N, C-alpha and C. Protein backbone atom coordinates (compact mmCIF):
# COMPACT_ATOMS: atom_id res chain seq x y z
N MET A 1 191.02 38.95 -169.15
CA MET A 1 191.58 39.22 -167.87
C MET A 1 190.75 40.34 -167.17
N ALA A 2 190.64 40.11 -166.09
CA ALA A 2 189.48 40.93 -165.52
C ALA A 2 190.19 42.24 -164.89
N MET A 3 191.46 42.10 -164.19
CA MET A 3 192.09 43.42 -163.92
C MET A 3 193.51 43.40 -164.42
N PRO A 4 193.94 44.58 -164.67
CA PRO A 4 195.50 44.64 -165.18
C PRO A 4 196.47 43.89 -164.01
N GLU A 5 197.49 43.51 -164.73
CA GLU A 5 198.68 42.85 -164.23
C GLU A 5 198.98 43.44 -163.13
N LYS A 6 199.10 42.73 -162.10
CA LYS A 6 199.76 43.05 -160.59
C LYS A 6 200.93 44.00 -160.79
N SER A 7 202.07 43.50 -161.79
CA SER A 7 203.34 44.23 -161.93
C SER A 7 202.94 45.55 -162.65
N PHE A 8 202.02 45.90 -163.23
CA PHE A 8 201.75 47.19 -163.78
C PHE A 8 201.70 48.15 -162.63
N LEU A 9 200.58 47.60 -161.75
CA LEU A 9 200.63 48.33 -160.56
C LEU A 9 201.73 48.53 -159.82
N ARG A 10 202.26 47.53 -159.46
CA ARG A 10 203.60 47.47 -158.53
C ARG A 10 204.62 48.30 -159.00
N GLU A 11 204.87 48.37 -160.38
CA GLU A 11 205.73 49.12 -161.09
C GLU A 11 205.51 50.80 -160.82
N TRP A 12 204.17 50.90 -160.97
CA TRP A 12 203.92 52.52 -161.00
C TRP A 12 203.92 52.98 -159.36
N MET A 13 203.65 52.14 -158.57
CA MET A 13 203.81 52.47 -156.94
C MET A 13 205.62 52.70 -156.80
N GLU A 14 206.45 51.84 -157.40
CA GLU A 14 207.70 51.83 -157.04
C GLU A 14 208.19 53.19 -157.37
N GLU A 15 207.84 53.42 -158.85
CA GLU A 15 207.94 54.76 -159.58
C GLU A 15 207.86 55.85 -158.81
N VAL A 16 206.48 55.84 -158.26
CA VAL A 16 206.07 57.08 -157.31
C VAL A 16 207.16 57.34 -156.35
N ASP A 17 207.31 56.41 -155.64
CA ASP A 17 208.14 56.16 -154.40
C ASP A 17 209.59 56.63 -154.51
N GLU A 18 210.00 56.14 -155.62
CA GLU A 18 211.29 56.44 -156.01
C GLU A 18 211.52 58.00 -156.35
N VAL A 19 210.46 58.47 -157.26
CA VAL A 19 210.68 59.85 -157.52
C VAL A 19 210.41 60.67 -156.21
N ALA A 20 209.48 59.93 -155.31
CA ALA A 20 209.30 60.98 -154.15
C ALA A 20 210.50 60.98 -153.12
N GLN A 21 211.02 59.81 -153.33
CA GLN A 21 212.39 59.66 -152.43
C GLN A 21 213.25 60.62 -152.93
N ALA A 22 213.59 60.35 -154.42
CA ALA A 22 214.76 61.41 -155.01
C ALA A 22 214.34 62.81 -154.73
N GLU A 23 213.32 62.87 -154.74
CA GLU A 23 213.00 64.76 -154.56
C GLU A 23 212.91 65.28 -153.09
N VAL A 24 213.07 64.19 -152.24
CA VAL A 24 213.32 64.74 -150.75
C VAL A 24 214.81 65.49 -150.56
N ASN A 25 215.59 64.70 -151.51
CA ASN A 25 216.92 65.27 -151.28
C ASN A 25 217.34 66.51 -152.07
N GLY A 26 216.40 66.98 -152.95
CA GLY A 26 216.66 68.00 -153.62
C GLY A 26 215.48 69.26 -153.83
N LYS A 27 214.52 69.01 -152.93
CA LYS A 27 213.71 70.06 -153.11
C LYS A 27 213.18 70.54 -151.57
N GLU A 28 212.75 71.85 -151.57
CA GLU A 28 212.37 72.26 -150.38
C GLU A 28 211.35 71.78 -149.75
N ARG A 29 211.26 71.30 -148.51
CA ARG A 29 210.43 70.40 -147.94
C ARG A 29 208.88 71.28 -147.88
N ASN A 30 207.60 70.75 -148.14
CA ASN A 30 206.71 71.43 -147.93
C ASN A 30 206.19 71.26 -146.31
N ILE A 31 206.43 71.77 -145.37
CA ILE A 31 206.16 71.58 -144.32
C ILE A 31 204.66 71.61 -143.78
N GLU A 32 204.33 72.47 -144.44
CA GLU A 32 202.51 72.67 -144.05
C GLU A 32 201.94 71.43 -144.52
N LEU A 33 202.49 70.76 -145.59
CA LEU A 33 201.44 69.71 -146.23
C LEU A 33 201.99 68.50 -145.31
N GLU A 34 203.12 68.28 -144.90
CA GLU A 34 203.87 67.39 -143.79
C GLU A 34 202.88 67.34 -142.86
N ALA A 35 202.84 68.37 -142.19
CA ALA A 35 202.03 68.67 -140.97
C ALA A 35 200.85 68.22 -140.94
N THR A 36 200.17 68.65 -142.21
CA THR A 36 198.56 68.20 -142.36
C THR A 36 198.47 66.55 -142.22
N VAL A 37 199.23 65.86 -143.05
CA VAL A 37 199.38 64.47 -143.24
C VAL A 37 199.75 64.05 -141.79
N GLN A 38 200.63 64.68 -140.93
CA GLN A 38 200.80 64.09 -139.43
C GLN A 38 199.33 64.07 -138.65
N ARG A 39 198.89 65.27 -138.88
CA ARG A 39 197.65 65.52 -138.11
C ARG A 39 196.51 64.53 -138.74
N LEU A 40 196.39 64.18 -140.07
CA LEU A 40 195.51 63.18 -140.35
C LEU A 40 195.71 61.99 -139.84
N LEU A 41 197.25 61.52 -139.48
CA LEU A 41 197.25 60.22 -139.07
C LEU A 41 196.69 60.07 -137.54
N GLU A 42 196.84 61.27 -136.88
CA GLU A 42 196.60 61.44 -135.52
C GLU A 42 195.06 61.42 -135.33
N LEU A 43 194.20 61.64 -136.37
CA LEU A 43 193.06 61.78 -136.35
C LEU A 43 192.17 60.51 -136.84
N ILE A 44 193.11 59.47 -137.40
CA ILE A 44 192.67 58.23 -137.49
C ILE A 44 192.71 57.33 -136.42
N GLY A 45 193.38 57.77 -135.49
CA GLY A 45 194.05 57.10 -134.36
C GLY A 45 195.39 56.68 -134.20
N GLU A 46 196.20 56.82 -135.34
CA GLU A 46 197.36 56.34 -135.45
C GLU A 46 198.46 57.18 -134.48
N ASP A 47 199.57 56.91 -134.29
CA ASP A 47 200.87 57.45 -133.59
C ASP A 47 201.90 57.86 -134.49
N PRO A 48 201.82 59.03 -135.12
CA PRO A 48 203.00 59.37 -136.04
C PRO A 48 204.31 59.12 -135.92
N GLU A 49 204.43 59.10 -134.46
CA GLU A 49 205.75 58.96 -134.08
C GLU A 49 206.42 57.47 -133.94
N ARG A 50 205.44 56.52 -133.86
CA ARG A 50 206.20 55.43 -133.97
C ARG A 50 207.02 55.04 -135.40
N GLU A 51 207.60 53.88 -135.29
CA GLU A 51 208.80 53.58 -136.27
C GLU A 51 208.38 53.76 -137.76
N GLY A 52 207.37 52.99 -137.99
CA GLY A 52 207.14 53.03 -139.30
C GLY A 52 206.44 54.08 -139.70
N LEU A 53 205.90 55.22 -139.21
CA LEU A 53 205.24 56.54 -139.54
C LEU A 53 206.14 57.67 -139.55
N LYS A 54 207.27 57.26 -138.99
CA LYS A 54 208.03 58.67 -138.81
C LYS A 54 208.26 59.49 -139.94
N ARG A 55 208.45 58.93 -141.09
CA ARG A 55 208.88 59.82 -142.27
C ARG A 55 207.56 59.45 -143.45
N THR A 56 206.37 59.20 -142.89
CA THR A 56 205.29 59.03 -143.62
C THR A 56 204.68 60.27 -144.06
N PRO A 57 204.56 61.16 -143.15
CA PRO A 57 204.37 62.64 -143.50
C PRO A 57 204.97 63.25 -144.81
N LEU A 58 206.28 63.17 -144.55
CA LEU A 58 207.31 63.55 -145.71
C LEU A 58 206.94 62.77 -146.86
N ARG A 59 206.76 61.29 -147.02
CA ARG A 59 206.81 60.73 -148.00
C ARG A 59 205.17 60.98 -148.79
N VAL A 60 204.27 61.07 -147.98
CA VAL A 60 203.21 61.35 -148.59
C VAL A 60 203.37 62.63 -149.05
N ALA A 61 203.79 63.52 -148.76
CA ALA A 61 203.86 65.32 -149.20
C ALA A 61 204.46 65.08 -150.62
N ARG A 62 205.72 64.38 -150.38
CA ARG A 62 206.33 64.01 -151.88
C ARG A 62 205.52 63.36 -152.78
N ALA A 63 204.81 62.29 -152.48
CA ALA A 63 204.18 61.33 -153.43
C ALA A 63 202.92 62.25 -154.10
N LEU A 64 202.31 63.11 -153.05
CA LEU A 64 201.50 63.96 -153.71
C LEU A 64 201.84 65.02 -154.66
N GLU A 65 202.85 65.62 -154.42
CA GLU A 65 203.51 66.51 -155.30
C GLU A 65 203.65 65.90 -156.65
N VAL A 66 204.26 64.39 -156.66
CA VAL A 66 204.43 63.92 -158.07
C VAL A 66 202.96 63.61 -158.82
N LEU A 67 201.99 63.05 -157.92
CA LEU A 67 200.61 62.77 -158.37
C LEU A 67 199.91 64.00 -159.02
N THR A 68 200.37 65.33 -158.29
CA THR A 68 199.35 66.39 -158.79
C THR A 68 200.54 67.30 -159.59
N SER A 69 201.61 66.82 -160.07
CA SER A 69 202.52 67.76 -160.87
C SER A 69 202.05 68.16 -162.06
N GLY A 70 200.72 67.61 -162.66
CA GLY A 70 200.15 68.31 -163.60
C GLY A 70 199.75 69.51 -163.60
N TYR A 71 199.55 70.33 -162.45
CA TYR A 71 199.49 71.72 -162.15
C TYR A 71 200.26 72.60 -162.53
N THR A 72 201.66 72.07 -162.55
CA THR A 72 202.61 72.84 -162.54
C THR A 72 203.46 72.69 -164.07
N MET A 73 202.43 72.00 -165.18
CA MET A 73 203.15 71.77 -166.56
C MET A 73 202.17 72.66 -167.26
N SER A 74 202.72 72.89 -168.37
CA SER A 74 201.79 73.83 -169.47
C SER A 74 201.92 73.11 -170.88
N VAL A 75 201.03 73.41 -171.63
CA VAL A 75 200.74 72.82 -172.89
C VAL A 75 202.01 73.08 -173.43
N GLU A 76 202.39 74.44 -173.89
CA GLU A 76 203.60 74.92 -174.52
C GLU A 76 204.82 74.09 -173.94
N LYS A 77 205.03 73.88 -172.64
CA LYS A 77 206.26 73.36 -172.35
C LYS A 77 206.06 71.63 -172.80
N VAL A 78 205.07 71.17 -172.76
CA VAL A 78 205.05 69.82 -172.96
C VAL A 78 204.92 69.67 -174.55
N VAL A 79 204.28 70.24 -175.40
CA VAL A 79 204.52 70.24 -176.70
C VAL A 79 205.57 70.60 -177.30
N ASN A 80 206.50 71.67 -176.50
CA ASN A 80 207.87 72.38 -177.12
C ASN A 80 208.05 72.30 -178.24
N ASN A 81 207.16 72.88 -179.31
CA ASN A 81 207.40 73.16 -180.87
C ASN A 81 207.53 71.92 -181.54
N ALA A 82 206.90 71.00 -181.39
CA ALA A 82 206.89 69.42 -181.91
C ALA A 82 205.61 69.57 -182.72
N ILE A 83 205.74 70.32 -183.52
CA ILE A 83 204.33 70.28 -184.31
C ILE A 83 205.17 70.30 -186.15
N PHE A 84 204.69 69.75 -186.82
CA PHE A 84 205.60 69.31 -188.14
C PHE A 84 204.24 69.49 -188.97
N ASN A 85 204.72 70.09 -190.08
CA ASN A 85 203.85 69.98 -191.54
C ASN A 85 204.15 68.79 -192.19
N GLU A 86 202.58 68.03 -192.37
CA GLU A 86 202.68 66.99 -193.29
C GLU A 86 201.25 66.61 -193.78
N ASP A 87 201.59 66.32 -194.92
CA ASP A 87 200.47 66.26 -195.69
C ASP A 87 199.75 64.72 -195.92
N TYR A 88 199.45 64.35 -194.42
CA TYR A 88 198.73 62.98 -194.39
C TYR A 88 197.46 63.59 -193.60
N ASN A 89 196.41 62.42 -194.21
CA ASN A 89 195.18 62.85 -193.95
C ASN A 89 194.13 61.54 -193.13
N GLU A 90 195.24 60.59 -193.05
CA GLU A 90 194.30 59.40 -192.23
C GLU A 90 194.40 59.54 -190.75
N ILE A 91 193.62 58.74 -190.14
CA ILE A 91 193.78 58.60 -188.78
C ILE A 91 195.18 58.44 -188.10
N VAL A 92 195.60 59.24 -187.36
CA VAL A 92 196.86 58.82 -186.30
C VAL A 92 196.18 58.29 -185.04
N ALA A 93 196.47 57.21 -184.62
CA ALA A 93 196.10 56.59 -183.45
C ALA A 93 197.23 56.36 -182.40
N ILE A 94 197.19 56.82 -181.24
CA ILE A 94 198.03 56.17 -180.21
C ILE A 94 197.27 55.66 -179.19
N LYS A 95 197.41 54.28 -179.32
CA LYS A 95 196.64 53.03 -178.01
C LYS A 95 197.69 52.79 -177.08
N ASN A 96 196.75 52.52 -176.08
CA ASN A 96 197.21 51.67 -174.88
C ASN A 96 198.09 52.67 -174.20
N ILE A 97 197.63 53.95 -173.80
CA ILE A 97 198.56 54.84 -173.04
C ILE A 97 198.23 54.76 -171.79
N HIS A 98 199.09 54.17 -170.96
CA HIS A 98 198.83 53.79 -169.55
C HIS A 98 198.49 55.16 -168.69
N PHE A 99 197.60 55.39 -167.93
CA PHE A 99 197.51 56.53 -167.08
C PHE A 99 197.19 56.22 -165.63
N PHE A 100 197.54 57.02 -164.56
CA PHE A 100 197.09 56.98 -163.39
C PHE A 100 196.44 58.44 -162.83
N SER A 101 195.70 58.58 -162.15
CA SER A 101 194.99 59.98 -161.74
C SER A 101 194.46 59.75 -160.21
N LEU A 102 193.83 60.90 -159.64
CA LEU A 102 193.56 61.03 -158.44
C LEU A 102 191.95 61.49 -158.61
N CYS A 103 190.93 60.83 -158.22
CA CYS A 103 189.46 61.25 -158.03
C CYS A 103 189.37 62.11 -156.99
N GLU A 104 188.90 63.57 -157.73
CA GLU A 104 188.68 64.45 -156.90
C GLU A 104 187.65 64.46 -155.71
N HIS A 105 186.82 63.28 -155.73
CA HIS A 105 186.05 63.07 -154.62
C HIS A 105 186.44 62.31 -153.41
N HIS A 106 187.33 61.47 -153.52
CA HIS A 106 187.92 60.50 -152.58
C HIS A 106 189.46 60.67 -152.25
N LEU A 107 189.85 61.48 -153.37
CA LEU A 107 191.22 61.41 -153.26
C LEU A 107 192.07 60.01 -153.48
N LEU A 108 191.28 59.17 -154.30
CA LEU A 108 191.89 57.98 -154.44
C LEU A 108 192.29 57.86 -155.65
N PRO A 109 193.05 56.67 -156.07
CA PRO A 109 193.63 56.75 -157.44
C PRO A 109 192.44 55.90 -158.61
N PHE A 110 192.42 56.33 -159.73
CA PHE A 110 191.79 55.49 -160.83
C PHE A 110 193.07 55.43 -161.93
N PHE A 111 192.92 54.47 -162.74
CA PHE A 111 193.94 54.21 -163.61
C PHE A 111 193.52 53.05 -164.52
N GLY A 112 194.04 53.35 -165.60
CA GLY A 112 193.62 52.53 -167.24
C GLY A 112 194.42 53.06 -168.11
N ILE A 113 193.64 52.94 -169.38
CA ILE A 113 194.18 53.37 -170.52
C ILE A 113 193.61 54.60 -171.39
N ALA A 114 194.31 55.26 -172.10
CA ALA A 114 193.74 56.35 -172.90
C ALA A 114 194.06 55.74 -174.66
N ASN A 115 193.16 55.81 -175.16
CA ASN A 115 193.20 55.62 -176.92
C ASN A 115 192.93 57.36 -177.32
N VAL A 116 193.85 57.59 -178.11
CA VAL A 116 193.99 58.88 -178.70
C VAL A 116 193.95 58.89 -180.47
N GLY A 117 193.24 59.55 -180.65
CA GLY A 117 193.43 59.61 -182.41
C GLY A 117 193.17 60.96 -182.69
N TYR A 118 193.74 61.43 -183.96
CA TYR A 118 193.24 62.64 -184.63
C TYR A 118 193.44 62.39 -186.07
N ILE A 119 193.00 63.15 -187.06
CA ILE A 119 193.02 63.22 -188.36
C ILE A 119 193.52 64.60 -188.59
N PRO A 120 195.02 64.54 -189.05
CA PRO A 120 195.77 65.67 -189.23
C PRO A 120 195.10 66.58 -190.59
N ASN A 121 195.20 68.12 -190.29
CA ASN A 121 194.67 68.87 -191.42
C ASN A 121 195.81 69.84 -191.75
N GLY A 122 196.96 68.84 -192.05
CA GLY A 122 198.45 69.77 -192.58
C GLY A 122 199.76 69.70 -191.42
N LYS A 123 199.02 69.17 -190.34
CA LYS A 123 200.09 69.21 -189.26
C LYS A 123 199.86 67.98 -188.19
N VAL A 124 201.16 67.48 -187.97
CA VAL A 124 201.19 66.24 -186.90
C VAL A 124 201.91 66.60 -185.82
N ILE A 125 201.64 65.97 -184.67
CA ILE A 125 202.60 66.24 -183.44
C ILE A 125 203.35 65.50 -183.24
N GLY A 126 204.52 65.30 -182.78
CA GLY A 126 205.46 64.27 -182.11
C GLY A 126 204.62 63.13 -181.39
N LEU A 127 204.97 62.07 -181.49
CA LEU A 127 204.08 61.00 -181.29
C LEU A 127 204.28 60.90 -179.87
N SER A 128 205.28 61.14 -179.06
CA SER A 128 205.28 61.24 -177.65
C SER A 128 204.73 62.33 -176.83
N LYS A 129 204.35 63.38 -177.61
CA LYS A 129 203.74 64.41 -176.92
C LYS A 129 202.31 63.97 -176.38
N ILE A 130 201.44 63.06 -177.26
CA ILE A 130 200.22 62.77 -176.88
C ILE A 130 200.29 62.12 -175.69
N PRO A 131 201.24 61.15 -175.41
CA PRO A 131 201.06 60.74 -173.57
C PRO A 131 201.46 61.52 -172.89
N ARG A 132 202.23 62.38 -173.09
CA ARG A 132 202.81 63.56 -172.39
C ARG A 132 201.88 64.35 -171.91
N LEU A 133 200.79 64.88 -172.90
CA LEU A 133 199.57 65.37 -172.71
C LEU A 133 198.75 64.71 -171.77
N VAL A 134 198.38 63.45 -171.89
CA VAL A 134 197.51 62.67 -171.25
C VAL A 134 198.02 62.93 -169.71
N ASP A 135 199.39 62.65 -169.72
CA ASP A 135 199.85 62.74 -168.31
C ASP A 135 199.67 64.02 -167.52
N MET A 136 199.72 64.97 -168.34
CA MET A 136 199.65 66.21 -167.49
C MET A 136 198.35 66.38 -167.18
N PHE A 137 197.29 66.14 -167.82
CA PHE A 137 195.94 66.37 -167.46
C PHE A 137 195.70 65.42 -166.42
N ALA A 138 196.19 64.13 -166.53
CA ALA A 138 196.11 62.98 -165.49
C ALA A 138 196.38 63.24 -164.08
N ARG A 139 197.72 63.88 -164.13
CA ARG A 139 198.32 63.98 -162.83
C ARG A 139 197.78 65.44 -162.18
N ARG A 140 196.49 65.42 -161.82
CA ARG A 140 195.84 66.37 -161.23
C ARG A 140 194.63 65.49 -160.54
N LEU A 141 193.86 66.41 -159.55
CA LEU A 141 192.57 65.98 -159.28
C LEU A 141 191.51 66.04 -160.34
N GLN A 142 191.02 64.62 -160.50
CA GLN A 142 190.25 64.62 -161.86
C GLN A 142 189.15 64.00 -161.68
N LEU A 143 188.04 64.41 -162.59
CA LEU A 143 186.89 63.23 -162.85
C LEU A 143 187.32 62.54 -164.36
N GLN A 144 187.12 61.18 -164.66
CA GLN A 144 187.38 60.68 -165.81
C GLN A 144 186.71 61.45 -166.79
N GLU A 145 185.45 61.92 -166.93
CA GLU A 145 184.54 62.56 -167.80
C GLU A 145 185.34 63.84 -168.08
N ARG A 146 185.97 64.62 -167.31
CA ARG A 146 186.40 65.89 -167.71
C ARG A 146 188.10 65.54 -168.16
N LEU A 147 188.73 64.64 -167.93
CA LEU A 147 190.01 64.41 -168.30
C LEU A 147 189.87 64.07 -169.52
N THR A 148 188.66 63.27 -169.89
CA THR A 148 188.73 62.75 -171.42
C THR A 148 188.44 63.96 -172.23
N SER A 149 187.36 64.75 -171.88
CA SER A 149 187.37 66.17 -172.55
C SER A 149 188.67 66.78 -172.69
N GLN A 150 189.17 67.10 -171.66
CA GLN A 150 190.19 68.01 -171.67
C GLN A 150 191.72 67.69 -172.54
N ILE A 151 191.63 66.40 -172.61
CA ILE A 151 192.84 65.74 -173.66
C ILE A 151 192.11 66.12 -175.13
N ALA A 152 190.98 65.91 -175.33
CA ALA A 152 190.57 66.02 -176.81
C ALA A 152 190.60 67.49 -177.22
N GLN A 153 190.14 68.43 -176.34
CA GLN A 153 189.88 69.87 -176.70
C GLN A 153 191.49 70.25 -176.54
N CYS A 154 192.21 69.64 -175.93
CA CYS A 154 193.75 70.33 -176.06
C CYS A 154 194.60 69.86 -177.25
N ILE A 155 194.42 68.80 -177.79
CA ILE A 155 194.86 68.52 -178.85
C ILE A 155 194.14 69.30 -180.13
N ASP A 156 193.01 69.37 -179.83
CA ASP A 156 191.89 70.50 -181.09
C ASP A 156 192.60 71.58 -181.22
N GLU A 157 192.85 72.37 -179.95
CA GLU A 157 193.48 73.67 -179.92
C GLU A 157 194.74 73.71 -180.38
N VAL A 158 195.69 72.64 -180.20
CA VAL A 158 196.82 72.66 -180.42
C VAL A 158 197.39 72.53 -182.06
N LEU A 159 196.82 71.37 -182.59
CA LEU A 159 196.74 71.03 -183.85
C LEU A 159 195.79 71.57 -184.97
N LYS A 160 194.41 71.93 -184.65
CA LYS A 160 193.55 72.33 -185.36
C LYS A 160 193.30 71.38 -186.52
N PRO A 161 193.08 70.21 -186.03
CA PRO A 161 192.80 68.90 -187.03
C PRO A 161 191.52 68.89 -187.39
N ARG A 162 191.30 68.12 -188.39
CA ARG A 162 190.01 67.44 -188.91
C ARG A 162 188.97 67.05 -187.72
N GLY A 163 189.91 66.20 -186.94
CA GLY A 163 188.86 65.44 -185.82
C GLY A 163 189.95 65.17 -184.93
N VAL A 164 189.24 64.70 -183.55
CA VAL A 164 189.94 64.23 -182.34
C VAL A 164 189.02 63.44 -181.73
N ALA A 165 189.82 62.06 -181.49
CA ALA A 165 188.90 61.20 -180.73
C ALA A 165 189.84 60.70 -179.45
N VAL A 166 189.05 60.67 -178.02
CA VAL A 166 189.79 60.01 -176.92
C VAL A 166 188.68 59.00 -176.50
N VAL A 167 189.18 58.06 -175.81
CA VAL A 167 188.44 57.08 -175.58
C VAL A 167 189.36 56.26 -174.12
N MET A 168 188.63 56.54 -173.08
CA MET A 168 189.54 56.17 -171.76
C MET A 168 188.84 54.92 -171.00
N GLU A 169 189.51 54.03 -170.69
CA GLU A 169 189.04 52.94 -169.96
C GLU A 169 189.89 52.84 -168.24
N ALA A 170 189.10 53.16 -167.33
CA ALA A 170 189.53 53.13 -166.12
C ALA A 170 189.03 52.20 -165.04
N TYR A 171 189.76 51.72 -163.89
CA TYR A 171 189.20 51.20 -162.99
C TYR A 171 189.36 52.38 -161.81
N HIS A 172 188.43 52.46 -161.16
CA HIS A 172 188.39 53.53 -159.76
C HIS A 172 188.30 53.03 -158.65
N LEU A 173 189.45 53.30 -157.86
CA LEU A 173 189.42 52.49 -156.46
C LEU A 173 188.36 52.90 -155.61
N CYS A 174 187.70 53.84 -155.60
CA CYS A 174 186.57 54.69 -154.91
C CYS A 174 185.64 53.69 -154.99
N MET A 175 185.58 52.89 -156.17
CA MET A 175 184.34 51.85 -156.38
C MET A 175 184.93 50.63 -156.09
N MET A 176 186.05 50.37 -155.89
CA MET A 176 186.57 48.81 -155.66
C MET A 176 186.81 48.79 -154.16
N MET A 177 187.47 49.52 -153.56
CA MET A 177 187.78 49.64 -152.24
C MET A 177 186.70 50.06 -151.22
N ARG A 178 185.70 50.89 -151.55
CA ARG A 178 184.48 51.45 -150.62
C ARG A 178 183.31 51.39 -151.38
N GLY A 179 182.30 52.06 -150.87
CA GLY A 179 180.92 52.17 -151.42
C GLY A 179 180.45 50.99 -152.01
N VAL A 180 180.26 50.73 -153.43
CA VAL A 180 179.47 49.52 -154.09
C VAL A 180 180.54 48.02 -153.98
N GLU A 181 181.70 48.72 -153.62
CA GLU A 181 183.00 47.67 -153.73
C GLU A 181 182.67 46.48 -155.05
N LYS A 182 182.89 47.00 -156.10
CA LYS A 182 182.68 46.37 -157.28
C LYS A 182 184.16 46.21 -158.02
N GLN A 183 184.84 45.38 -157.73
CA GLN A 183 186.26 45.21 -158.41
C GLN A 183 186.40 45.16 -159.70
N ASP A 184 185.52 44.26 -160.22
CA ASP A 184 185.50 44.36 -161.99
C ASP A 184 184.57 45.29 -162.89
N SER A 185 184.54 46.49 -162.26
CA SER A 185 183.75 47.36 -162.80
C SER A 185 184.71 48.51 -163.65
N LEU A 186 184.35 48.69 -165.03
CA LEU A 186 185.37 49.41 -165.66
C LEU A 186 184.31 50.64 -166.31
N THR A 187 184.98 51.60 -166.04
CA THR A 187 184.29 53.10 -166.46
C THR A 187 184.91 53.40 -167.78
N VAL A 188 184.14 53.54 -169.05
CA VAL A 188 184.52 53.96 -170.17
C VAL A 188 184.01 55.13 -170.68
N THR A 189 184.81 56.14 -171.02
CA THR A 189 184.34 57.63 -171.59
C THR A 189 185.13 57.84 -172.81
N SER A 190 184.33 58.62 -173.69
CA SER A 190 184.97 59.18 -174.86
C SER A 190 184.49 60.54 -175.12
N CYS A 191 185.52 61.40 -176.11
CA CYS A 191 185.06 62.37 -176.42
C CYS A 191 185.36 62.66 -177.86
N MET A 192 184.61 62.83 -178.69
CA MET A 192 184.49 62.91 -180.36
C MET A 192 184.39 64.39 -180.56
N LEU A 193 185.57 64.77 -181.46
CA LEU A 193 185.25 66.05 -182.30
C LEU A 193 185.44 66.07 -183.66
N GLY A 194 185.21 67.14 -184.33
CA GLY A 194 185.09 67.24 -185.65
C GLY A 194 184.36 66.03 -186.58
N ASP A 195 185.39 65.32 -187.48
CA ASP A 195 184.97 64.34 -188.14
C ASP A 195 184.54 63.30 -187.20
N PHE A 196 185.09 62.78 -185.95
CA PHE A 196 184.92 62.01 -185.44
C PHE A 196 183.40 62.02 -184.83
N LYS A 197 182.86 63.24 -184.73
CA LYS A 197 181.56 63.27 -184.32
C LYS A 197 180.51 63.43 -185.13
N THR A 198 180.95 64.05 -186.41
CA THR A 198 179.92 64.18 -187.35
C THR A 198 180.04 62.79 -188.29
N ASN A 199 181.02 61.96 -188.93
CA ASN A 199 181.03 60.94 -189.52
C ASN A 199 180.97 59.55 -188.67
N ILE A 200 179.95 59.01 -188.90
CA ILE A 200 179.87 57.56 -188.10
C ILE A 200 180.89 56.51 -188.70
N GLN A 201 181.13 56.59 -190.01
CA GLN A 201 182.24 55.56 -190.27
C GLN A 201 183.65 55.98 -189.77
N THR A 202 183.84 57.40 -189.85
CA THR A 202 185.25 57.66 -189.54
C THR A 202 185.37 57.09 -187.79
N ARG A 203 184.07 57.39 -186.91
CA ARG A 203 184.25 57.11 -185.64
C ARG A 203 184.22 55.78 -185.32
N GLN A 204 183.78 55.11 -186.11
CA GLN A 204 183.76 53.35 -186.17
C GLN A 204 184.94 53.09 -186.35
N GLU A 205 185.52 53.36 -187.51
CA GLU A 205 187.09 52.73 -187.88
C GLU A 205 188.07 53.31 -186.61
N PHE A 206 187.89 54.31 -185.64
CA PHE A 206 188.66 54.61 -184.81
C PHE A 206 188.53 53.56 -183.83
N LEU A 207 187.16 53.46 -183.46
CA LEU A 207 186.75 52.57 -182.33
C LEU A 207 187.27 51.07 -182.51
N GLU A 208 187.32 50.63 -183.71
CA GLU A 208 187.89 49.40 -184.15
C GLU A 208 189.38 49.36 -183.92
N LEU A 209 190.09 50.32 -184.21
CA LEU A 209 191.47 50.58 -183.85
C LEU A 209 191.75 50.33 -182.46
N CYS A 210 191.12 51.00 -181.81
CA CYS A 210 191.47 50.77 -180.19
C CYS A 210 190.84 49.88 -179.69
N GLY A 211 189.73 49.48 -180.12
CA GLY A 211 188.87 48.28 -179.46
C GLY A 211 189.41 46.81 -179.24
N ARG A 212 190.70 46.47 -179.92
CA ARG A 212 191.19 45.47 -180.37
C ARG A 212 191.97 44.86 -179.23
N HIS A 213 192.41 45.97 -178.09
CA HIS A 213 192.88 45.51 -176.98
C HIS A 213 191.97 46.61 -176.09
N SER A 214 191.82 45.86 -174.88
CA SER A 214 191.38 46.80 -173.67
C SER A 214 191.84 46.33 -172.18
N LEU A 215 191.46 47.02 -171.49
CA LEU A 215 191.88 46.67 -170.12
C LEU A 215 191.18 45.07 -169.61
N LYS A 216 189.85 44.94 -170.36
CA LYS A 216 189.41 43.57 -169.88
C LYS A 216 189.94 42.72 -170.71
N GLY A 217 190.69 42.99 -171.80
CA GLY A 217 191.32 41.69 -172.55
C GLY A 217 192.74 41.41 -172.44
N ARG A 218 193.34 42.00 -171.36
CA ARG A 218 194.68 42.06 -171.17
C ARG A 218 194.90 40.58 -170.77
């Protein structure tokens, strides 16, 4: 399948809208950001006072707060001491971690899956913490290359494992909706540390594990 299922994108957009709307009632409004969005609407020739756009500045401001919430997160809070002593020395792989981020060049989304693996060195991390770390770095203005590296380096610093591997596949709306307008172009990035970088067989084992399913094969 060339593209992720539409329901996947629709569910994400609904989640962002629900979270943003819920936060409208419980958070202090970012008036400055709302005013900036209103001015943007005016600059593209729209009337921010018409019925359909009256609450758009508020919604956009809240949505941006959700989509860039990674700036307010910290590794310490995400991991929350969920590191455990364990004498396991084979690959731990967490596959098909769906993520969304914003391209820092055009502020358009890019989205896809992350495959993360590590080889423990006496310690393992709670499995849910890996996707949370992916989200922490993804919910910022990003480049896919940097995002991939940040995830790998973070896990390396937290666990001090024998090796870390991260492979990310993503569709970039800045390539699909504008510019070259290539709707089926998939960007793949990787970061290999430790044994995954120095040992070809170890790297190949991980790539085979995470390569059985991909965005292209959905």
